[in-house]
Amino acid sequence: MKQVKTYNFIDITKREFQQYQATPITNAQAVEIQNNLFGVVDLLLQWSSKENIITECA
């Protein structure tokens, strides 16, 4: 049977971003951080695809 390594992204986020905050990061804050990061990545992908469309039309 294939073994799959699972990740707890909330714990990973809390560990990575704890250094930027004096108080412990809650699960809700970790989810908010993840949502913000995904939002930034989504914007970058949208801008990239718009740039490709503009370049192709020129």
N, C-alpha and C. Protein backbone atom coordinates (compact mmCIF):
# COMPACT_ATOMS: atom_id res chain seq x y z
N MET A 1 0.84 -1.18 0.00
CA MET A 1 0.00 0.00 0.00
C MET A 1 0.89 1.25 0.00
N LYS A 2 0.48 2.24 -0.75
CA LYS A 2 1.27 3.48 -0.85
C LYS A 2 1.15 4.29 0.44
N GLN A 3 2.29 4.72 0.95
CA GLN A 3 2.27 5.55 2.14
C GLN A 3 2.27 7.01 1.72
N VAL A 4 1.38 7.76 2.31
CA VAL A 4 1.26 9.17 1.97
C VAL A 4 1.57 9.98 3.21
N LYS A 5 2.47 10.94 3.04
CA LYS A 5 2.79 11.82 4.16
C LYS A 5 1.78 12.96 4.18
N THR A 6 1.11 13.11 5.30
CA THR A 6 0.14 14.19 5.41
C THR A 6 0.76 15.35 6.16
N TYR A 7 0.32 16.54 5.83
CA TYR A 7 0.84 17.74 6.45
C TYR A 7 -0.29 18.48 7.16
N ASN A 8 0.01 19.01 8.30
CA ASN A 8 -0.94 19.86 8.99
C ASN A 8 -0.52 21.29 8.70
N PHE A 9 -1.16 21.90 7.71
CA PHE A 9 -0.73 23.21 7.25
C PHE A 9 -0.96 24.29 8.30
N ILE A 10 -1.91 24.10 9.18
CA ILE A 10 -2.10 25.09 10.25
C ILE A 10 -0.88 25.10 11.17
N ASP A 11 -0.41 23.92 11.56
CA ASP A 11 0.78 23.85 12.42
C ASP A 11 2.01 24.39 11.71
N ILE A 12 2.16 24.09 10.45
CA ILE A 12 3.31 24.58 9.68
C ILE A 12 3.27 26.10 9.60
N THR A 13 2.09 26.66 9.34
CA THR A 13 1.95 28.11 9.25
C THR A 13 2.25 28.76 10.60
N LYS A 14 1.73 28.18 11.67
CA LYS A 14 1.98 28.73 13.00
C LYS A 14 3.47 28.72 13.31
N ARG A 15 4.14 27.63 12.98
CA ARG A 15 5.58 27.52 13.24
C ARG A 15 6.37 28.55 12.44
N GLU A 16 6.03 28.71 11.17
CA GLU A 16 6.79 29.61 10.29
C GLU A 16 6.58 31.09 10.64
N PHE A 17 5.36 31.46 11.03
CA PHE A 17 5.06 32.87 11.25
C PHE A 17 5.14 33.29 12.71
N GLN A 18 5.37 32.35 13.63
CA GLN A 18 5.45 32.70 15.04
C GLN A 18 6.57 33.69 15.32
N GLN A 19 7.63 33.64 14.57
CA GLN A 19 8.77 34.53 14.79
C GLN A 19 8.42 36.00 14.58
N TYR A 20 7.31 36.28 13.93
CA TYR A 20 6.93 37.65 13.65
C TYR A 20 5.90 38.19 14.63
N GLN A 21 5.52 37.40 15.62
CA GLN A 21 4.51 37.82 16.57
C GLN A 21 4.91 37.38 17.97
N ALA A 22 4.74 38.27 18.95
CA ALA A 22 5.15 37.97 20.32
C ALA A 22 4.22 36.98 21.01
N THR A 23 2.93 37.06 20.72
CA THR A 23 1.98 36.14 21.35
C THR A 23 1.77 34.92 20.46
N PRO A 24 1.38 33.79 21.04
CA PRO A 24 1.16 32.59 20.23
C PRO A 24 0.09 32.81 19.16
N ILE A 25 0.35 32.27 17.98
CA ILE A 25 -0.59 32.38 16.87
C ILE A 25 -1.69 31.33 17.06
N THR A 26 -2.92 31.77 16.91
CA THR A 26 -4.06 30.85 17.04
C THR A 26 -4.31 30.16 15.71
N ASN A 27 -5.14 29.13 15.76
CA ASN A 27 -5.51 28.43 14.52
C ASN A 27 -6.22 29.38 13.56
N ALA A 28 -7.09 30.24 14.09
CA ALA A 28 -7.82 31.19 13.24
C ALA A 28 -6.85 32.16 12.56
N GLN A 29 -5.84 32.61 13.28
CA GLN A 29 -4.85 33.50 12.68
C GLN A 29 -4.05 32.78 11.61
N ALA A 30 -3.72 31.51 11.85
CA ALA A 30 -2.97 30.73 10.87
C ALA A 30 -3.78 30.56 9.59
N VAL A 31 -5.08 30.32 9.72
CA VAL A 31 -5.94 30.19 8.55
C VAL A 31 -6.01 31.51 7.81
N GLU A 32 -6.09 32.62 8.55
CA GLU A 32 -6.13 33.95 7.92
C GLU A 32 -4.83 34.22 7.16
N ILE A 33 -3.70 33.85 7.74
CA ILE A 33 -2.41 34.02 7.06
C ILE A 33 -2.41 33.22 5.76
N GLN A 34 -2.87 31.97 5.82
CA GLN A 34 -2.91 31.13 4.63
C GLN A 34 -3.80 31.74 3.56
N ASN A 35 -4.98 32.22 3.96
CA ASN A 35 -5.89 32.84 3.00
C ASN A 35 -5.27 34.07 2.35
N ASN A 36 -4.57 34.87 3.14
CA ASN A 36 -3.90 36.05 2.59
C ASN A 36 -2.81 35.66 1.59
N LEU A 37 -2.04 34.65 1.93
CA LEU A 37 -0.99 34.20 1.02
C LEU A 37 -1.57 33.64 -0.27
N PHE A 38 -2.63 32.84 -0.14
CA PHE A 38 -3.28 32.29 -1.34
C PHE A 38 -3.86 33.41 -2.19
N GLY A 39 -4.38 34.46 -1.55
CA GLY A 39 -4.91 35.61 -2.28
C GLY A 39 -3.84 36.32 -3.07
N VAL A 40 -2.66 36.48 -2.48
CA VAL A 40 -1.55 37.13 -3.17
C VAL A 40 -1.11 36.29 -4.37
N VAL A 41 -1.00 35.00 -4.17
CA VAL A 41 -0.60 34.11 -5.27
C VAL A 41 -1.64 34.15 -6.38
N ASP A 42 -2.91 34.17 -6.03
CA ASP A 42 -3.97 34.25 -7.03
C ASP A 42 -3.87 35.54 -7.83
N LEU A 43 -3.62 36.67 -7.16
CA LEU A 43 -3.45 37.94 -7.87
C LEU A 43 -2.26 37.89 -8.82
N LEU A 44 -1.16 37.33 -8.37
CA LEU A 44 0.02 37.22 -9.23
C LEU A 44 -0.27 36.38 -10.47
N LEU A 45 -1.00 35.28 -10.28
CA LEU A 45 -1.36 34.44 -11.43
C LEU A 45 -2.28 35.17 -12.39
N GLN A 46 -3.23 35.94 -11.86
CA GLN A 46 -4.12 36.72 -12.71
C GLN A 46 -3.35 37.76 -13.50
N TRP A 47 -2.45 38.48 -12.82
CA TRP A 47 -1.66 39.50 -13.50
C TRP A 47 -0.77 38.88 -14.56
N SER A 48 -0.21 37.72 -14.25
CA SER A 48 0.65 37.03 -15.20
C SER A 48 -0.13 36.64 -16.45
N SER A 49 -1.34 36.11 -16.26
CA SER A 49 -2.12 35.69 -17.43
C SER A 49 -2.56 36.90 -18.24
N LYS A 50 -2.88 38.01 -17.59
CA LYS A 50 -3.24 39.23 -18.32
C LYS A 50 -2.05 39.74 -19.10
N GLU A 51 -0.86 39.67 -18.51
CA GLU A 51 0.36 40.12 -19.19
C GLU A 51 0.61 39.26 -20.42
N ASN A 52 0.38 37.95 -20.31
CA ASN A 52 0.57 37.06 -21.46
C ASN A 52 -0.42 37.38 -22.56
N ILE A 53 -1.66 37.70 -22.22
CA ILE A 53 -2.68 38.04 -23.22
C ILE A 53 -2.30 39.34 -23.91
N ILE A 54 -1.83 40.32 -23.15
CA ILE A 54 -1.43 41.61 -23.74
C ILE A 54 -0.25 41.41 -24.67
N THR A 55 0.72 40.60 -24.27
CA THR A 55 1.91 40.34 -25.09
C THR A 55 1.53 39.64 -26.38
N GLU A 56 0.60 38.68 -26.30
CA GLU A 56 0.19 37.93 -27.50
C GLU A 56 -0.58 38.82 -28.47
N CYS A 57 -1.33 39.80 -27.95
CA CYS A 57 -2.12 40.67 -28.81
C CYS A 57 -1.28 41.76 -29.47
N ALA A 58 -0.13 42.04 -28.91
CA ALA A 58 0.70 43.14 -29.43
C ALA A 58 1.44 42.77 -30.68
